Amino acid sequence: MIDLSKVKNILIVNSRSSERKLTGMVMWGALAVASHYKTAIPGSDVVFLDENNEDNFFEKFKEVLKTRDMVGFSLTSMQIKYTLPLIKYIREYYPNIKVIGGGIHMILFPNEDYGDYFDEIVTGEMPKDHFLHELYPEKVLEVFRKKRAQVISGFNCSYKCTFCVNSVRNCKYESMAPEKICAEIDYLVDKYNPPKIYFRDSGILHSFLDAPDPRSLKFHPKVGSSWEGFALEEVIRSYRARDEETFFWATHNQAELDLLISRGNRKVGFEFKYNSSPRLTRSMQIAFKDLKLSELAVIFPGTDEFPLSPHVKAIGLKKFLSKGLRK
C-alpha cells in the first residue's frame, strides 16, 4: 500500500469516456477524490485534470507530470480505453511515479488482472465530503457564470434501471446534508451570479420550501416554479438531451425562453406555464424569430393541445410525454 504521508504532489485525472467531450459538466466522483486528498494530506499540492474540460489536455498532462509523486485515475469501464495510453506514457517516461486506479470499474471488478498498469487498486469508495472550488476546471466555471451553476444534492440512486450500474451495485441513495447544499448554493450565487437556478431534484426544493406533502405544496406561492422546473426536467428527459444541448435564453429587451434544445441544425423552444389557458406572448414571438426555431411549444398542466399561432402550440405535459422519446 502506498504511504500517503510521503506523497505530496498528486495528480488526479478524469479521462474522457467517449469521443464526445462532456464539456462544462462537473465530474463529481473524480473531483471528490482530488478534494479529499487536498483536504486530508497537509501541505499537499493536488492538481485535478479533467480531459472533458481541457482544450490541450495531453500537453497539460505531460507538463504536470514533471512535478508529481503520484497519479490517480477515477474510472468507469468506458474510460479505460482512453486512460491506458496515459498510463503507458507515465510508465515510459516517469517510472518512479506511483499510479493508483479507483472508481466504479474497480469497485465492480476488484479481482480483475490489471497487470503492471497500476501500483495500487482502490476497491472502496472515498469520502465525498468536500468539493473544493479551487479545483474546478475553468470551463466549468465559465458555464457557472454564463449559463447555470451545478450543485450536487446526493450520490447514487434508489432506482434500479437495467441500463445503469446501480442495478448491479445494489447501492442506496446518499443525500448530501441540507446545510451543505444551502451553503453551496449561497456560495455559487455570491461568487458566480449564475443567470438561472434550476432544481433538478424537486424533493430538495420542496424541503427548502417547507412543503413536505401535496396539499402544502398546492397552496404554496412557489408551486408554479416547482411545477415548471419539474416539467422542464421531464421535457429534457424525453429528448435525452445532453447538458451542452440545453440552454436558457434571454435578451436585454426582456425577451426570454425557458428552455432551448439545440441539436445539430434543429432548435426547439419551450415555455412552461402553470395555468390552464396559456397565451401567446411577444417574448415567444421574438424567441421564435431570433432563434430561428423549428418549433416552439408551451407546456402547461392541462391535457389538451391547441395552436397559439401558426408556429407556436400549447400542449399539456401529460399529452406531450405520452408521445414518447424525441430525436
Protein backbone atom coordinates (compact mmCIF):
# COMPACT_ATOMS: atom_id res chain seq x y z
CA MET A 1 0.00 0.00 0.00
CA ILE A 2 1.26 3.46 -0.90
CA ASP A 3 2.22 5.54 2.13
CA LEU A 4 0.25 8.75 1.55
CA SER A 5 2.18 10.52 4.31
CA LYS A 6 5.14 10.52 1.93
CA VAL A 7 3.15 11.73 -1.05
CA LYS A 8 2.72 15.48 -1.52
CA ASN A 9 2.45 16.16 -5.25
CA ILE A 10 -0.64 14.44 -6.59
CA LEU A 11 -2.41 14.50 -9.94
CA ILE A 12 -6.00 13.23 -10.18
CA VAL A 13 -7.15 12.59 -13.74
CA ASN A 14 -10.62 12.20 -15.16
CA SER A 15 -10.20 10.94 -18.72
CA ARG A 16 -12.91 11.16 -21.33
CA SER A 17 -15.41 8.32 -21.73
CA SER A 18 -16.14 8.73 -25.46
CA GLU A 19 -15.10 10.74 -28.49
CA ARG A 20 -17.59 13.40 -27.40
CA LYS A 21 -16.33 15.51 -24.53
CA LEU A 22 -18.72 16.38 -21.70
CA THR A 23 -17.51 19.97 -21.66
CA GLY A 24 -18.84 22.21 -18.89
CA MET A 25 -20.02 19.36 -16.68
CA VAL A 26 -18.66 18.61 -13.22
CA MET A 27 -17.18 15.12 -12.86
CA TRP A 28 -18.20 14.73 -9.23
CA GLY A 29 -16.50 11.41 -8.45
CA ALA A 30 -13.01 12.41 -9.59
CA LEU A 31 -13.43 15.89 -8.11
CA ALA A 32 -14.36 14.33 -4.75
CA VAL A 33 -11.17 12.24 -4.82
CA ALA A 34 -8.99 15.26 -5.61
CA SER A 35 -10.72 17.33 -2.93
CA HIS A 36 -10.28 14.52 -0.38
CA TYR A 37 -6.52 14.26 -0.95
CA LYS A 38 -6.14 18.04 -0.87
CA THR A 39 -8.00 18.19 2.45
CA ALA A 40 -6.64 15.03 4.10
CA ILE A 41 -2.90 15.41 3.33
CA PRO A 42 -1.41 18.51 4.99
CA GLY A 43 0.76 20.58 2.69
CA SER A 44 -0.19 18.59 -0.39
CA ASP A 45 -0.12 20.01 -3.92
CA VAL A 46 -3.08 18.46 -5.72
CA VAL A 47 -3.85 19.09 -9.38
CA PHE A 48 -7.14 17.97 -10.95
CA LEU A 49 -7.19 17.49 -14.73
CA ASP A 50 -10.44 16.65 -16.50
CA GLU A 51 -10.00 15.77 -20.16
CA ASN A 52 -13.57 16.85 -20.87
CA ASN A 53 -12.76 20.42 -19.88
CA GLU A 54 -9.26 20.96 -21.31
CA ASP A 55 -8.51 22.05 -24.88
CA ASN A 56 -4.88 20.87 -24.75
CA PHE A 57 -5.30 18.09 -22.24
CA PHE A 58 -2.33 15.88 -23.18
CA GLU A 59 0.11 18.81 -23.25
CA LYS A 60 -1.03 19.90 -19.79
CA PHE A 61 -0.92 16.30 -18.60
CA LYS A 62 2.72 15.94 -19.69
CA GLU A 63 3.67 19.25 -18.08
CA VAL A 64 2.06 18.46 -14.72
CA LEU A 65 3.74 15.02 -14.58
CA LYS A 66 7.16 16.66 -14.25
CA THR A 67 6.46 17.52 -10.61
CA ARG A 68 4.21 14.63 -9.47
CA ASP A 69 4.82 11.81 -6.98
CA MET A 70 1.51 10.05 -7.63
CA VAL A 71 -1.22 9.98 -10.29
CA GLY A 72 -4.72 8.70 -9.58
CA PHE A 73 -7.38 7.74 -12.12
CA SER A 74 -11.09 7.51 -11.23
CA LEU A 75 -12.52 5.13 -13.81
CA THR A 76 -15.73 3.86 -15.29
CA SER A 77 -15.44 0.98 -17.76
CA MET A 78 -15.92 3.37 -20.69
CA GLN A 79 -12.88 5.45 -19.63
CA ILE A 80 -10.34 2.61 -19.64
CA LYS A 81 -9.81 2.83 -23.41
CA TYR A 82 -8.76 6.48 -23.08
CA THR A 83 -6.80 6.02 -19.85
CA LEU A 84 -4.41 3.19 -20.73
CA PRO A 85 -2.36 5.31 -23.21
CA LEU A 86 -1.88 7.90 -20.44
CA ILE A 87 -0.59 5.25 -18.03
CA LYS A 88 1.73 3.84 -20.71
CA TYR A 89 3.20 7.31 -21.12
CA ILE A 90 3.80 7.56 -17.36
CA ARG A 91 5.45 4.14 -17.24
CA GLU A 92 7.74 5.00 -20.13
CA TYR A 93 8.86 8.49 -19.14
CA TYR A 94 8.23 8.66 -15.37
CA PRO A 95 8.63 5.10 -14.00
CA ASN A 96 9.04 6.36 -10.42
CA ILE A 97 5.58 7.95 -10.30
CA LYS A 98 3.07 5.80 -8.42
CA VAL A 99 -0.18 5.12 -10.28
CA ILE A 100 -3.44 4.43 -8.44
CA GLY A 101 -6.65 3.23 -10.02
CA GLY A 102 -10.10 3.55 -8.48
CA GLY A 103 -13.68 4.31 -9.34
CA ILE A 104 -16.75 2.30 -10.21
CA HIS A 105 -14.94 -0.13 -12.57
CA MET A 106 -12.54 -1.20 -9.82
CA ILE A 107 -15.39 -1.47 -7.32
CA LEU A 108 -17.34 -3.76 -9.64
CA PHE A 109 -14.33 -5.81 -10.77
CA PRO A 110 -11.90 -5.90 -7.81
CA ASN A 111 -10.30 -9.19 -8.90
CA GLU A 112 -9.60 -8.22 -12.49
CA ASP A 113 -5.97 -8.56 -13.58
CA TYR A 114 -4.75 -5.02 -14.23
CA GLY A 115 -1.22 -6.15 -15.00
CA ASP A 116 1.51 -3.58 -14.40
CA TYR A 117 -0.67 -0.59 -15.14
CA PHE A 118 -1.39 0.25 -11.52
CA ASP A 119 0.70 0.19 -8.35
CA GLU A 120 -2.45 0.05 -6.26
CA ILE A 121 -6.16 -0.55 -6.85
CA VAL A 122 -8.75 1.13 -4.62
CA THR A 123 -11.88 -1.02 -4.47
CA GLY A 124 -13.84 1.05 -1.98
CA GLU A 125 -15.39 4.48 -2.11
CA MET A 126 -13.57 7.51 -0.79
CA PRO A 127 -15.30 10.16 1.33
CA LYS A 128 -17.45 12.58 -0.65
CA ASP A 129 -17.43 15.38 1.90
CA HIS A 130 -15.57 18.08 0.02
CA PHE A 131 -15.77 19.69 -3.42
CA LEU A 132 -13.08 22.34 -3.48
CA HIS A 133 -13.89 25.18 -5.85
CA GLU A 134 -10.21 25.89 -6.40
CA LEU A 135 -10.00 22.56 -8.29
CA TYR A 136 -12.93 23.20 -10.67
CA PRO A 137 -11.83 23.45 -14.34
CA GLU A 138 -12.15 26.92 -15.85
CA LYS A 139 -14.60 25.67 -18.50
CA VAL A 140 -16.93 24.55 -15.71
CA LEU A 141 -16.70 27.93 -14.00
CA GLU A 142 -17.46 29.59 -17.33
CA VAL A 143 -20.71 27.63 -17.50
CA PHE A 144 -21.46 28.70 -13.92
CA ARG A 145 -21.09 32.37 -14.89
CA LYS A 146 -22.89 32.34 -18.24
CA LYS A 147 -25.43 29.53 -18.11
CA ARG A 148 -26.10 27.71 -14.85
CA ALA A 149 -24.34 26.52 -11.74
CA GLN A 150 -24.32 22.86 -10.72
CA VAL A 151 -24.96 21.74 -7.16
CA ILE A 152 -24.94 18.07 -6.24
CA SER A 153 -27.67 17.02 -3.80
CA GLY A 154 -26.74 13.36 -3.43
CA PHE A 155 -24.99 10.29 -4.79
CA ASN A 156 -26.32 7.06 -6.24
CA CYS A 157 -29.98 6.38 -6.93
CA SER A 158 -32.85 4.45 -5.43
CA TYR A 159 -33.97 3.17 -8.86
CA LYS A 160 -32.55 0.02 -10.45
CA CYS A 161 -32.73 0.73 -14.20
CA THR A 162 -31.26 -2.17 -16.20
CA PHE A 163 -29.03 0.12 -18.28
CA CYS A 164 -27.43 1.69 -15.18
CA VAL A 165 -24.60 0.47 -12.98
CA ASN A 166 -26.82 0.93 -9.91
CA SER A 167 -28.78 -2.16 -10.95
CA VAL A 168 -25.82 -4.40 -10.11
CA ARG A 169 -24.29 -2.39 -7.28
CA ASN A 170 -27.43 -2.55 -5.14
CA CYS A 171 -26.46 0.84 -3.74
CA LYS A 172 -28.68 3.25 -1.85
CA TYR A 173 -29.23 6.93 -2.44
CA GLU A 174 -26.90 9.05 -0.30
CA SER A 175 -28.19 12.56 0.18
CA MET A 176 -25.96 15.49 0.98
CA ALA A 177 -26.69 17.31 4.23
CA PRO A 178 -29.24 20.13 3.61
CA GLU A 179 -26.99 22.69 5.31
CA LYS A 180 -24.18 21.80 2.89
CA ILE A 181 -26.49 22.17 -0.10
CA CYS A 182 -27.68 25.56 1.16
CA ALA A 183 -24.12 26.73 1.79
CA GLU A 184 -23.09 25.62 -1.70
CA ILE A 185 -25.98 27.48 -3.33
CA ASP A 186 -25.20 30.64 -1.36
CA TYR A 187 -21.54 30.45 -2.34
CA LEU A 188 -22.23 29.90 -6.04
CA VAL A 189 -24.76 32.74 -6.22
CA ASP A 190 -22.39 35.15 -4.45
CA LYS A 191 -19.31 34.06 -6.41
CA TYR A 192 -20.62 33.50 -9.93
CA ASN A 193 -24.10 35.09 -10.09
CA PRO A 194 -25.50 32.45 -12.48
CA PRO A 195 -28.41 33.68 -14.66
CA LYS A 196 -30.68 30.81 -13.57
CA ILE A 197 -31.02 28.33 -10.73
CA TYR A 198 -32.69 25.05 -11.67
CA PHE A 199 -33.68 22.47 -9.07
CA ARG A 200 -33.50 19.15 -10.89
CA ASP A 201 -34.22 17.46 -7.56
CA SER A 202 -37.76 18.65 -6.76
CA GLY A 203 -37.65 16.88 -3.38
CA ILE A 204 -34.82 19.17 -2.27
CA LEU A 205 -36.74 22.21 -3.47
CA HIS A 206 -39.86 21.16 -1.57
CA SER A 207 -37.77 20.67 1.54
CA PHE A 208 -36.42 24.21 1.20
CA LEU A 209 -39.97 25.49 0.70
CA ASP A 210 -41.20 23.59 3.77
CA ALA A 211 -43.80 21.86 1.61
CA PRO A 212 -43.49 18.16 2.55
CA ASP A 213 -46.81 16.95 1.09
CA PRO A 214 -49.02 17.63 -1.97
CA ARG A 215 -51.55 19.70 -0.04
CA SER A 216 -49.00 22.12 1.43
CA LEU A 217 -47.30 22.40 -1.96
CA LYS A 218 -50.59 23.09 -3.77
CA PHE A 219 -51.19 26.25 -1.71
CA HIS A 220 -47.57 27.37 -1.61
CA PRO A 221 -46.77 30.60 -3.56
CA LYS A 222 -43.90 28.78 -5.30
CA VAL A 223 -45.97 25.87 -6.56
CA GLY A 224 -45.78 27.29 -10.09
CA SER A 225 -41.98 27.43 -10.00
CA SER A 226 -41.87 23.87 -8.67
CA TRP A 227 -44.15 22.54 -11.40
CA GLU A 228 -42.36 24.43 -14.15
CA GLY A 229 -38.98 23.08 -13.02
CA PHE A 230 -40.40 19.55 -12.89
CA ALA A 231 -41.92 19.88 -16.37
CA LEU A 232 -38.70 21.30 -17.79
CA GLU A 233 -36.74 18.33 -16.48
CA GLU A 234 -39.26 15.85 -17.95
CA VAL A 235 -39.02 17.51 -21.38
CA ILE A 236 -35.22 17.30 -21.26
CA ARG A 237 -35.51 13.61 -20.38
CA SER A 238 -37.94 12.98 -23.24
CA TYR A 239 -35.35 14.32 -25.68
CA ARG A 240 -32.49 12.57 -23.89
CA ALA A 241 -30.83 15.95 -24.26
CA ARG A 242 -27.27 16.37 -23.04
CA ASP A 243 -26.35 19.30 -20.84
CA GLU A 244 -24.47 21.01 -23.65
CA GLU A 245 -27.63 20.86 -25.81
CA THR A 246 -29.86 22.68 -23.32
CA PHE A 247 -29.98 26.43 -22.77
CA PHE A 248 -31.88 29.26 -21.11
CA TRP A 249 -32.14 32.21 -23.48
CA ALA A 250 -32.73 35.89 -22.72
CA THR A 251 -32.16 39.30 -24.32
CA HIS A 252 -31.67 42.81 -22.97
CA ASN A 253 -35.19 43.75 -24.07
CA GLN A 254 -36.54 41.16 -21.60
CA ALA A 255 -37.49 38.52 -24.14
CA GLU A 256 -36.64 35.06 -22.83
CA LEU A 257 -37.16 31.36 -23.37
CA ASP A 258 -37.30 28.84 -20.51
CA LEU A 259 -35.66 26.03 -22.48
CA LEU A 260 -33.84 25.85 -25.79
CA ILE A 261 -32.74 22.44 -27.06
CA SER A 262 -30.19 22.76 -29.85
CA ARG A 263 -29.19 19.58 -31.65
CA GLY A 264 -27.41 19.76 -34.99
CA ASN A 265 -29.27 22.23 -37.21
CA ARG A 266 -32.53 21.86 -35.28
CA LYS A 267 -33.57 24.20 -32.48
CA VAL A 268 -36.69 23.61 -30.39
CA GLY A 269 -38.01 26.07 -27.82
CA PHE A 270 -40.19 25.58 -24.74
CA GLU A 271 -42.04 27.83 -22.35
CA PHE A 272 -43.57 26.42 -19.15
CA LYS A 273 -46.74 27.97 -17.73
CA TYR A 274 -48.53 26.82 -14.60
CA ASN A 275 -52.02 27.77 -15.77
CA SER A 276 -54.77 26.10 -17.73
CA SER A 277 -55.03 28.71 -20.50
CA PRO A 278 -51.58 29.79 -21.72
CA ARG A 279 -51.44 32.64 -24.21
CA LEU A 280 -49.08 33.76 -26.92
CA THR A 281 -46.70 36.49 -25.73
CA ARG A 282 -44.44 38.93 -27.54
CA SER A 283 -41.47 37.25 -25.88
CA MET A 284 -42.39 33.95 -27.56
CA GLN A 285 -42.68 35.65 -30.96
CA ILE A 286 -39.26 37.28 -30.55
CA ALA A 287 -37.69 33.98 -29.48
CA PHE A 288 -39.16 32.11 -32.44
CA LYS A 289 -37.91 34.71 -34.93
CA ASP A 290 -34.47 35.50 -33.45
CA LEU A 291 -33.52 31.88 -32.73
CA LYS A 292 -34.98 30.56 -36.00
CA LEU A 293 -36.73 27.79 -34.08
CA SER A 294 -38.08 24.68 -35.78
CA GLU A 295 -40.96 24.78 -33.30
CA LEU A 296 -41.99 26.37 -30.03
CA ALA A 297 -44.23 24.61 -27.51
CA VAL A 298 -45.86 26.00 -24.39
CA ILE A 299 -46.11 23.23 -21.80
CA PHE A 300 -48.92 23.54 -19.22
CA PRO A 301 -50.65 21.24 -16.69
CA GLY A 302 -53.68 20.52 -18.90
CA THR A 303 -54.36 17.61 -21.20
CA ASP A 304 -55.24 19.45 -24.42
CA GLU A 305 -53.23 20.57 -27.42
CA PHE A 306 -54.09 23.69 -29.42
CA PRO A 307 -52.33 26.29 -31.59
CA LEU A 308 -51.43 29.74 -30.26
CA SER A 309 -50.14 30.89 -33.64
CA PRO A 310 -49.04 29.25 -36.92
CA HIS A 311 -45.68 28.44 -35.30
CA VAL A 312 -46.47 28.11 -31.58
CA LYS A 313 -48.61 25.47 -29.89
CA ALA A 314 -49.76 24.81 -26.33
CA ILE A 315 -49.70 21.22 -25.16
CA GLY A 316 -50.40 19.61 -21.80
CA LEU A 317 -47.40 17.95 -20.17
CA LYS A 318 -49.10 14.55 -19.92
CA LYS A 319 -50.00 14.57 -23.61
CA PHE A 320 -46.52 15.74 -24.58
CA LEU A 321 -44.86 12.93 -22.65
CA SER A 322 -47.32 10.31 -23.96
CA LYS A 323 -45.83 10.78 -27.42
CA GLY A 324 -42.63 9.08 -26.25
CA LEU A 325 -38.97 9.90 -26.70
CA ARG A 326 -37.97 12.57 -29.19
CA LYS A 327 -34.99 12.68 -31.55
